[in-house]
All heavy atoms as atom14 arrays in JSON, in Angstrom:
{
  "sequence": "SYILNLKVLIRVIRSPEIIEVEIENGSKIKFTDVSIVAIILL",
  "atom14_mask": [
    [1, 1, 1, 1, 1, 1, 0, 0, 0, 0, 0, 0, 0, 0],
    [1, 1, 1, 1, 1, 1, 1, 1, 1, 1, 1, 1, 0, 0],
    [1, 1, 1, 1, 1, 1, 1, 1, 0, 0, 0, 0, 0, 0],
    [1, 1, 1, 1, 1, 1, 1, 1, 0, 0, 0, 0, 0, 0],
    [1, 1, 1, 1, 1, 1, 1, 1, 0, 0, 0, 0, 0, 0],
    [1, 1, 1, 1, 1, 1, 1, 1, 0, 0, 0, 0, 0, 0],
    [1, 1, 1, 1, 1, 1, 1, 1, 1, 0, 0, 0, 0, 0],
    [1, 1, 1, 1, 1, 1, 1, 0, 0, 0, 0, 0, 0, 0],
    [1, 1, 1, 1, 1, 1, 1, 1, 0, 0, 0, 0, 0, 0],
    [1, 1, 1, 1, 1, 1, 1, 1, 0, 0, 0, 0, 0, 0],
    [1, 1, 1, 1, 1, 1, 1, 1, 1, 1, 1, 0, 0, 0],
    [1, 1, 1, 1, 1, 1, 1, 0, 0, 0, 0, 0, 0, 0],
    [1, 1, 1, 1, 1, 1, 1, 1, 0, 0, 0, 0, 0, 0],
    [1, 1, 1, 1, 1, 1, 1, 1, 1, 1, 1, 0, 0, 0],
    [1, 1, 1, 1, 1, 1, 0, 0, 0, 0, 0, 0, 0, 0],
    [1, 1, 1, 1, 1, 1, 1, 0, 0, 0, 0, 0, 0, 0],
    [1, 1, 1, 1, 1, 1, 1, 1, 1, 0, 0, 0, 0, 0],
    [1, 1, 1, 1, 1, 1, 1, 1, 0, 0, 0, 0, 0, 0],
    [1, 1, 1, 1, 1, 1, 1, 1, 0, 0, 0, 0, 0, 0],
    [1, 1, 1, 1, 1, 1, 1, 1, 1, 0, 0, 0, 0, 0],
    [1, 1, 1, 1, 1, 1, 1, 0, 0, 0, 0, 0, 0, 0],
    [1, 1, 1, 1, 1, 1, 1, 1, 1, 0, 0, 0, 0, 0],
    [1, 1, 1, 1, 1, 1, 1, 1, 0, 0, 0, 0, 0, 0],
    [1, 1, 1, 1, 1, 1, 1, 1, 1, 0, 0, 0, 0, 0],
    [1, 1, 1, 1, 1, 1, 1, 1, 0, 0, 0, 0, 0, 0],
    [1, 1, 1, 1, 0, 0, 0, 0, 0, 0, 0, 0, 0, 0],
    [1, 1, 1, 1, 1, 1, 0, 0, 0, 0, 0, 0, 0, 0],
    [1, 1, 1, 1, 1, 1, 1, 1, 1, 0, 0, 0, 0, 0],
    [1, 1, 1, 1, 1, 1, 1, 1, 0, 0, 0, 0, 0, 0],
    [1, 1, 1, 1, 1, 1, 1, 1, 1, 0, 0, 0, 0, 0],
    [1, 1, 1, 1, 1, 1, 1, 1, 1, 1, 1, 0, 0, 0],
    [1, 1, 1, 1, 1, 1, 1, 0, 0, 0, 0, 0, 0, 0],
    [1, 1, 1, 1, 1, 1, 1, 1, 0, 0, 0, 0, 0, 0],
    [1, 1, 1, 1, 1, 1, 1, 0, 0, 0, 0, 0, 0, 0],
    [1, 1, 1, 1, 1, 1, 0, 0, 0, 0, 0, 0, 0, 0],
    [1, 1, 1, 1, 1, 1, 1, 1, 0, 0, 0, 0, 0, 0],
    [1, 1, 1, 1, 1, 1, 1, 0, 0, 0, 0, 0, 0, 0],
    [1, 1, 1, 1, 1, 0, 0, 0, 0, 0, 0, 0, 0, 0],
    [1, 1, 1, 1, 1, 1, 1, 1, 0, 0, 0, 0, 0, 0],
    [1, 1, 1, 1, 1, 1, 1, 1, 0, 0, 0, 0, 0, 0],
    [1, 1, 1, 1, 1, 1, 1, 1, 0, 0, 0, 0, 0, 0],
    [1, 1, 1, 1, 1, 1, 1, 1, 0, 0, 0, 0, 0, 0]
  ],
  "atom14_positions": [
    [[0.83, -1.21, 0.0], [0.0, 0.0, 0.0], [0.86, 1.26, 0.0], [0.58, 2.22, -0.72], [-0.93, -0.02, 1.21], [-1.6, 1.2, 1.34], [0.0, 0.0, 0.0], [0.0, 0.0, 0.0], [0.0, 0.0, 0.0], [0.0, 0.0, 0.0], [0.0, 0.0, 0.0], [0.0, 0.0, 0.0], [0.0, 0.0, 0.0], [0.0, 0.0, 0.0]],
    [[1.91, 1.25, 0.79], [2.83, 2.39, 0.88], [3.47, 2.68, -0.48], [3.5, 3.83, -0.94], [3.88, 2.09, 1.94], [5.01, 3.05, 2.01], [4.85, 4.29, 2.61], [6.27, 2.73, 1.5], [5.91, 5.19, 2.68], [7.31, 3.61, 1.57], [7.13, 4.84, 2.16], [8.18, 5.72, 2.23], [0.0, 0.0, 0.0], [0.0, 0.0, 0.0]],
    [[3.96, 1.64, -1.13], [4.6, 1.82, -2.44], [3.59, 2.3, -3.48], [3.88, 3.21, -4.28], [5.26, 0.5, -2.88], [6.47, 0.22, -1.99], [5.67, 0.55, -4.35], [7.05, -1.16, -2.14], [0.0, 0.0, 0.0], [0.0, 0.0, 0.0], [0.0, 0.0, 0.0], [0.0, 0.0, 0.0], [0.0, 0.0, 0.0], [0.0, 0.0, 0.0]],
    [[2.38, 1.75, -3.47], [1.35, 2.19, -4.41], [0.98, 3.65, -4.18], [0.79, 4.41, -5.14], [0.11, 1.31, -4.3], [0.25, -0.13, -4.8], [-1.03, -0.92, -4.5], [0.58, -0.16, -6.27], [0.0, 0.0, 0.0], [0.0, 0.0, 0.0], [0.0, 0.0, 0.0], [0.0, 0.0, 0.0], [0.0, 0.0, 0.0], [0.0, 0.0, 0.0]],
    [[0.87, 4.05, -2.92], [0.55, 5.45, -2.62], [1.62, 6.4, -3.13], [1.31, 7.46, -3.69], [0.37, 5.66, -1.11], [-0.95, 5.14, -0.62], [-1.92, 5.09, -1.35], [-0.98, 4.72, 0.63], [0.0, 0.0, 0.0], [0.0, 0.0, 0.0], [0.0, 0.0, 0.0], [0.0, 0.0, 0.0], [0.0, 0.0, 0.0], [0.0, 0.0, 0.0]],
    [[2.88, 6.04, -2.93], [3.96, 6.9, -3.42], [3.98, 6.95, -4.95], [4.22, 8.01, -5.53], [5.31, 6.43, -2.88], [5.54, 6.66, -1.39], [6.93, 6.17, -0.99], [5.37, 8.12, -1.02], [0.0, 0.0, 0.0], [0.0, 0.0, 0.0], [0.0, 0.0, 0.0], [0.0, 0.0, 0.0], [0.0, 0.0, 0.0], [0.0, 0.0, 0.0]],
    [[3.7, 5.8, -5.6], [3.63, 5.8, -7.06], [2.53, 6.73, -7.56], [2.73, 7.5, -8.5], [3.35, 4.38, -7.57], [4.55, 3.52, -7.75], [4.2, 2.11, -8.21], [3.31, 2.09, -9.43], [2.97, 0.72, -9.86], [0.0, 0.0, 0.0], [0.0, 0.0, 0.0], [0.0, 0.0, 0.0], [0.0, 0.0, 0.0], [0.0, 0.0, 0.0]],
    [[1.37, 6.66, -6.92], [0.25, 7.51, -7.33], [0.58, 8.97, -7.08], [0.32, 9.83, -7.93], [-1.05, 7.1, -6.6], [-2.15, 8.12, -6.82], [-1.51, 5.73, -7.06], [0.0, 0.0, 0.0], [0.0, 0.0, 0.0], [0.0, 0.0, 0.0], [0.0, 0.0, 0.0], [0.0, 0.0, 0.0], [0.0, 0.0, 0.0], [0.0, 0.0, 0.0]],
    [[1.17, 9.27, -5.94], [1.53, 10.64, -5.62], [2.49, 11.22, -6.66], [2.29, 12.32, -7.18], [2.14, 10.73, -4.22], [2.5, 12.11, -3.7], [1.24, 12.96, -3.53], [3.24, 12.01, -2.39], [0.0, 0.0, 0.0], [0.0, 0.0, 0.0], [0.0, 0.0, 0.0], [0.0, 0.0, 0.0], [0.0, 0.0, 0.0], [0.0, 0.0, 0.0]],
    [[3.5, 10.45, -7.02], [4.47, 10.91, -8.02], [3.82, 11.03, -9.39], [4.06, 11.99, -10.13], [5.69, 9.97, -8.04], [6.47, 10.15, -6.74], [6.57, 10.24, -9.25], [7.56, 9.13, -6.52], [0.0, 0.0, 0.0], [0.0, 0.0, 0.0], [0.0, 0.0, 0.0], [0.0, 0.0, 0.0], [0.0, 0.0, 0.0], [0.0, 0.0, 0.0]],
    [[2.94, 10.09, -9.74], [2.26, 10.13, -11.04], [1.36, 11.37, -11.14], [1.3, 12.02, -12.18], [1.44, 8.85, -11.23], [1.16, 8.55, -12.68], [0.46, 7.22, -12.84], [1.35, 6.11, -12.52], [0.96, 5.02, -11.87], [-0.28, 4.85, -11.51], [1.82, 4.05, -11.62], [0.0, 0.0, 0.0], [0.0, 0.0, 0.0], [0.0, 0.0, 0.0]],
    [[0.67, 11.68, -10.06], [-0.22, 12.84, -10.05], [0.59, 14.13, -10.13], [0.2, 15.09, -10.8], [-1.13, 12.82, -8.8], [-1.81, 14.16, -8.58], [-2.16, 11.72, -8.92], [0.0, 0.0, 0.0], [0.0, 0.0, 0.0], [0.0, 0.0, 0.0], [0.0, 0.0, 0.0], [0.0, 0.0, 0.0], [0.0, 0.0, 0.0], [0.0, 0.0, 0.0]],
    [[1.73, 14.15, -9.46], [2.57, 15.35, -9.49], [3.14, 15.56, -10.89], [3.21, 16.69, -11.37], [3.7, 15.23, -8.44], [3.12, 15.14, -7.04], [4.67, 16.39, -8.55], [2.11, 16.17, -6.67], [0.0, 0.0, 0.0], [0.0, 0.0, 0.0], [0.0, 0.0, 0.0], [0.0, 0.0, 0.0], [0.0, 0.0, 0.0], [0.0, 0.0, 0.0]],
    [[3.53, 14.49, -11.55], [4.08, 14.6, -12.91], [3.04, 15.04, -13.93], [3.33, 15.8, -14.84], [4.67, 13.27, -13.36], [5.98, 12.95, -12.78], [6.51, 11.69, -13.4], [7.75, 11.29, -12.77], [8.28, 10.1, -12.9], [7.68, 9.18, -13.64], [9.4, 9.8, -12.32], [0.0, 0.0, 0.0], [0.0, 0.0, 0.0], [0.0, 0.0, 0.0]],
    [[1.82, 14.51, -13.79], [0.76, 14.79, -14.76], [-0.52, 15.2, -14.03], [-1.44, 14.39, -13.91], [0.48, 13.56, -15.61], [1.63, 13.05, -16.17], [0.0, 0.0, 0.0], [0.0, 0.0, 0.0], [0.0, 0.0, 0.0], [0.0, 0.0, 0.0], [0.0, 0.0, 0.0], [0.0, 0.0, 0.0], [0.0, 0.0, 0.0], [0.0, 0.0, 0.0]],
    [[-0.61, 16.43, -13.58], [-1.81, 16.84, -12.85], [-3.07, 16.87, -13.7], [-4.18, 16.89, -13.17], [-1.47, 18.23, -12.32], [-0.3, 18.68, -13.09], [0.38, 17.48, -13.63], [0.0, 0.0, 0.0], [0.0, 0.0, 0.0], [0.0, 0.0, 0.0], [0.0, 0.0, 0.0], [0.0, 0.0, 0.0], [0.0, 0.0, 0.0], [0.0, 0.0, 0.0]],
    [[-2.92, 16.8, -15.01], [-4.09, 16.85, -15.88], [-4.91, 15.56, -15.85], [-6.03, 15.53, -16.36], [-3.69, 17.17, -17.32], [-2.83, 16.14, -17.99], [-1.34, 16.29, -17.71], [-0.94, 17.23, -17.02], [-0.58, 15.45, -18.22], [0.0, 0.0, 0.0], [0.0, 0.0, 0.0], [0.0, 0.0, 0.0], [0.0, 0.0, 0.0], [0.0, 0.0, 0.0]],
    [[-4.38, 14.48, -15.24], [-5.15, 13.25, -15.17], [-6.23, 13.32, -14.09], [-7.04, 12.4, -13.97], [-4.25, 12.02, -14.91], [-3.57, 12.09, -13.55], [-3.26, 11.83, -16.02], [-2.83, 10.83, -13.17], [0.0, 0.0, 0.0], [0.0, 0.0, 0.0], [0.0, 0.0, 0.0], [0.0, 0.0, 0.0], [0.0, 0.0, 0.0], [0.0, 0.0, 0.0]],
    [[-6.26, 14.41, -13.35], [-7.23, 14.58, -12.26], [-8.23, 15.66, -12.62], [-7.87, 16.69, -13.17], [-6.52, 15.01, -10.98], [-5.46, 14.02, -10.59], [-7.51, 15.2, -9.85], [-4.55, 14.54, -9.55], [0.0, 0.0, 0.0], [0.0, 0.0, 0.0], [0.0, 0.0, 0.0], [0.0, 0.0, 0.0], [0.0, 0.0, 0.0], [0.0, 0.0, 0.0]],
    [[-9.47, 15.4, -12.28], [-10.51, 16.41, -12.4], [-11.35, 16.34, -11.13], [-11.81, 15.29, -10.74], [-11.38, 16.16, -13.62], [-12.38, 17.25, -13.87], [-13.17, 16.99, -15.13], [-12.6, 16.45, -16.09], [-14.37, 17.33, -15.13], [0.0, 0.0, 0.0], [0.0, 0.0, 0.0], [0.0, 0.0, 0.0], [0.0, 0.0, 0.0], [0.0, 0.0, 0.0]],
    [[-11.5, 17.47, -10.48], [-12.27, 17.54, -9.24], [-13.49, 18.39, -9.49], [-13.39, 19.48, -10.04], [-11.42, 18.14, -8.1], [-12.22, 18.22, -6.83], [-10.17, 17.31, -7.88], [0.0, 0.0, 0.0], [0.0, 0.0, 0.0], [0.0, 0.0, 0.0], [0.0, 0.0, 0.0], [0.0, 0.0, 0.0], [0.0, 0.0, 0.0], [0.0, 0.0, 0.0]],
    [[-14.66, 17.89, -9.1], [-15.9, 18.65, -9.26], [-16.64, 18.71, -7.93], [-16.59, 17.78, -7.14], [-16.82, 17.96, -10.27], [-16.38, 18.11, -11.7], [-17.43, 17.57, -12.65], [-18.62, 17.67, -12.36], [-17.03, 17.04, -13.7], [0.0, 0.0, 0.0], [0.0, 0.0, 0.0], [0.0, 0.0, 0.0], [0.0, 0.0, 0.0], [0.0, 0.0, 0.0]],
    [[-17.34, 19.81, -7.74], [-18.25, 19.94, -6.61], [-19.61, 19.47, -7.08], [-19.92, 19.49, -8.26], [-18.31, 21.41, -6.13], [-16.92, 21.87, -5.72], [-19.27, 21.57, -4.98], [-16.86, 23.31, -5.3], [0.0, 0.0, 0.0], [0.0, 0.0, 0.0], [0.0, 0.0, 0.0], [0.0, 0.0, 0.0], [0.0, 0.0, 0.0], [0.0, 0.0, 0.0]],
    [[-20.44, 19.01, -6.14], [-21.73, 18.42, -6.49], [-22.59, 19.34, -7.35], [-23.29, 18.88, -8.24], [-22.48, 18.06, -5.21], [-23.76, 17.3, -5.48], [-24.45, 16.94, -4.19], [-24.96, 17.85, -3.53], [-24.48, 15.75, -3.85], [0.0, 0.0, 0.0], [0.0, 0.0, 0.0], [0.0, 0.0, 0.0], [0.0, 0.0, 0.0], [0.0, 0.0, 0.0]],
    [[-22.54, 20.65, -7.14], [-23.39, 21.56, -7.9], [-22.87, 21.81, -9.32], [-23.48, 22.55, -10.07], [-23.58, 22.88, -7.17], [-22.28, 23.64, -6.97], [-21.26, 23.27, -7.53], [-22.33, 24.67, -6.17], [0.0, 0.0, 0.0], [0.0, 0.0, 0.0], [0.0, 0.0, 0.0], [0.0, 0.0, 0.0], [0.0, 0.0, 0.0], [0.0, 0.0, 0.0]],
    [[-21.73, 21.2, -9.7], [-21.25, 21.28, -11.06], [-20.14, 22.28, -11.3], [-19.52, 22.25, -12.35], [0.0, 0.0, 0.0], [0.0, 0.0, 0.0], [0.0, 0.0, 0.0], [0.0, 0.0, 0.0], [0.0, 0.0, 0.0], [0.0, 0.0, 0.0], [0.0, 0.0, 0.0], [0.0, 0.0, 0.0], [0.0, 0.0, 0.0], [0.0, 0.0, 0.0]],
    [[-19.87, 23.18, -10.39], [-18.79, 24.13, -10.6], [-17.45, 23.42, -10.42], [-17.3, 22.55, -9.58], [-18.89, 25.31, -9.64], [-18.73, 24.86, -8.32], [0.0, 0.0, 0.0], [0.0, 0.0, 0.0], [0.0, 0.0, 0.0], [0.0, 0.0, 0.0], [0.0, 0.0, 0.0], [0.0, 0.0, 0.0], [0.0, 0.0, 0.0], [0.0, 0.0, 0.0]],
    [[-16.49, 23.79, -11.23], [-15.19, 23.14, -11.2], [-14.25, 23.9, -10.27], [-14.32, 25.11, -10.15], [-14.58, 23.11, -12.6], [-15.42, 22.39, -13.59], [-14.67, 21.3, -14.2], [-15.6, 20.7, -15.24], [-15.29, 19.44, -15.63], [0.0, 0.0, 0.0], [0.0, 0.0, 0.0], [0.0, 0.0, 0.0], [0.0, 0.0, 0.0], [0.0, 0.0, 0.0]],
    [[-13.37, 23.15, -9.63], [-12.32, 23.75, -8.81], [-11.08, 23.76, -9.69], [-10.68, 22.73, -10.2], [-12.08, 22.93, -7.54], [-13.35, 22.84, -6.71], [-10.96, 23.53, -6.72], [-13.23, 21.92, -5.53], [0.0, 0.0, 0.0], [0.0, 0.0, 0.0], [0.0, 0.0, 0.0], [0.0, 0.0, 0.0], [0.0, 0.0, 0.0], [0.0, 0.0, 0.0]],
    [[-10.45, 24.9, -9.83], [-9.3, 24.98, -10.73], [-7.98, 24.79, -9.98], [-7.29, 23.84, -10.21], [-9.3, 26.32, -11.44], [-10.54, 26.57, -12.23], [-10.32, 26.33, -13.66], [-11.58, 26.74, -14.36], [-11.87, 26.1, -15.53], [0.0, 0.0, 0.0], [0.0, 0.0, 0.0], [0.0, 0.0, 0.0], [0.0, 0.0, 0.0], [0.0, 0.0, 0.0]],
    [[-7.66, 25.69, -9.08], [-6.34, 25.67, -8.45], [-6.17, 24.49, -7.51], [-5.1, 23.93, -7.41], [-6.11, 26.98, -7.69], [-4.94, 26.94, -6.76], [-3.66, 26.84, -7.27], [-5.11, 26.97, -5.4], [-2.57, 26.79, -6.43], [-4.03, 26.91, -4.56], [-2.76, 26.82, -5.07], [0.0, 0.0, 0.0], [0.0, 0.0, 0.0], [0.0, 0.0, 0.0]],
    [[-7.23, 24.08, -6.84], [-7.08, 23.09, -5.78], [-7.19, 21.65, -6.28], [-7.18, 20.75, -5.45], [-8.13, 23.34, -4.69], [-9.42, 23.29, -5.28], [-7.9, 24.64, -3.99], [0.0, 0.0, 0.0], [0.0, 0.0, 0.0], [0.0, 0.0, 0.0], [0.0, 0.0, 0.0], [0.0, 0.0, 0.0], [0.0, 0.0, 0.0], [0.0, 0.0, 0.0]],
    [[-7.27, 21.42, -7.59], [-7.34, 20.05, -8.08], [-6.19, 19.2, -7.54], [-6.4, 18.16, -6.94], [-7.29, 20.02, -9.61], [-8.6, 20.43, -10.24], [-9.53, 20.74, -9.5], [-8.67, 20.43, -11.47], [0.0, 0.0, 0.0], [0.0, 0.0, 0.0], [0.0, 0.0, 0.0], [0.0, 0.0, 0.0], [0.0, 0.0, 0.0], [0.0, 0.0, 0.0]],
    [[-4.98, 19.65, -7.78], [-3.81, 18.89, -7.36], [-3.69, 18.86, -5.85], [-3.37, 17.84, -5.26], [-2.53, 19.47, -8.0], [-1.3, 18.79, -7.48], [-2.61, 19.32, -9.5], [0.0, 0.0, 0.0], [0.0, 0.0, 0.0], [0.0, 0.0, 0.0], [0.0, 0.0, 0.0], [0.0, 0.0, 0.0], [0.0, 0.0, 0.0], [0.0, 0.0, 0.0]],
    [[-3.98, 19.97, -5.2], [-3.8, 20.02, -3.75], [-4.78, 19.1, -3.03], [-4.41, 18.46, -2.05], [-3.91, 21.45, -3.24], [-5.18, 21.98, -3.52], [0.0, 0.0, 0.0], [0.0, 0.0, 0.0], [0.0, 0.0, 0.0], [0.0, 0.0, 0.0], [0.0, 0.0, 0.0], [0.0, 0.0, 0.0], [0.0, 0.0, 0.0], [0.0, 0.0, 0.0]],
    [[-6.01, 19.01, -3.5], [-6.98, 18.12, -2.85], [-6.54, 16.67, -2.97], [-6.53, 15.92, -2.0], [-8.39, 18.32, -3.44], [-8.98, 19.64, -2.99], [-9.32, 17.18, -3.06], [-10.28, 20.0, -3.66], [0.0, 0.0, 0.0], [0.0, 0.0, 0.0], [0.0, 0.0, 0.0], [0.0, 0.0, 0.0], [0.0, 0.0, 0.0], [0.0, 0.0, 0.0]],
    [[-6.15, 16.26, -4.16], [-5.71, 14.88, -4.35], [-4.41, 14.62, -3.6], [-4.24, 13.56, -2.99], [-5.56, 14.57, -5.85], [-4.96, 13.2, -6.07], [-6.91, 14.66, -6.53], [0.0, 0.0, 0.0], [0.0, 0.0, 0.0], [0.0, 0.0, 0.0], [0.0, 0.0, 0.0], [0.0, 0.0, 0.0], [0.0, 0.0, 0.0], [0.0, 0.0, 0.0]],
    [[-3.49, 15.58, -3.58], [-2.24, 15.4, -2.85], [-2.5, 15.27, -1.35], [-1.86, 14.45, -0.68], [-1.31, 16.57, -3.13], [0.0, 0.0, 0.0], [0.0, 0.0, 0.0], [0.0, 0.0, 0.0], [0.0, 0.0, 0.0], [0.0, 0.0, 0.0], [0.0, 0.0, 0.0], [0.0, 0.0, 0.0], [0.0, 0.0, 0.0], [0.0, 0.0, 0.0]],
    [[-3.44, 16.02, -0.81], [-3.76, 15.9, 0.61], [-4.36, 14.53, 0.9], [-4.01, 13.88, 1.89], [-4.71, 17.04, 1.04], [-3.95, 18.36, 1.08], [-5.34, 16.75, 2.4], [-4.81, 19.58, 1.25], [0.0, 0.0, 0.0], [0.0, 0.0, 0.0], [0.0, 0.0, 0.0], [0.0, 0.0, 0.0], [0.0, 0.0, 0.0], [0.0, 0.0, 0.0]],
    [[-5.25, 14.06, 0.04], [-5.83, 12.73, 0.23], [-4.74, 11.65, 0.17], [-4.72, 10.73, 0.98], [-6.93, 12.46, -0.82], [-8.13, 13.37, -0.55], [-7.35, 11.0, -0.84], [-9.17, 13.38, -1.64], [0.0, 0.0, 0.0], [0.0, 0.0, 0.0], [0.0, 0.0, 0.0], [0.0, 0.0, 0.0], [0.0, 0.0, 0.0], [0.0, 0.0, 0.0]],
    [[-3.82, 11.79, -0.77], [-2.73, 10.82, -0.87], [-1.8, 10.89, 0.34], [-1.33, 9.86, 0.83], [-1.94, 11.04, -2.16], [-2.67, 10.64, -3.43], [-1.92, 11.11, -4.65], [-2.87, 9.14, -3.46], [0.0, 0.0, 0.0], [0.0, 0.0, 0.0], [0.0, 0.0, 0.0], [0.0, 0.0, 0.0], [0.0, 0.0, 0.0], [0.0, 0.0, 0.0]],
    [[-1.54, 12.1, 0.84], [-0.71, 12.22, 2.04], [-1.39, 11.55, 3.23], [-0.73, 10.9, 4.04], [-0.45, 13.7, 2.36], [0.62, 14.38, 1.54], [0.7, 15.86, 1.88], [1.96, 13.72, 1.75], [0.0, 0.0, 0.0], [0.0, 0.0, 0.0], [0.0, 0.0, 0.0], [0.0, 0.0, 0.0], [0.0, 0.0, 0.0], [0.0, 0.0, 0.0]]
  ]
}
């Protein structure tokens, strides 16, 4: 699990465009896409 988490973290950092974060009402979050996923991975 630890190795997989680090792989995902590095993959997301290299290519942040593979992530899309949406709020339930449909508005998109722009700046915090990478930060939200990075916090979850941390």
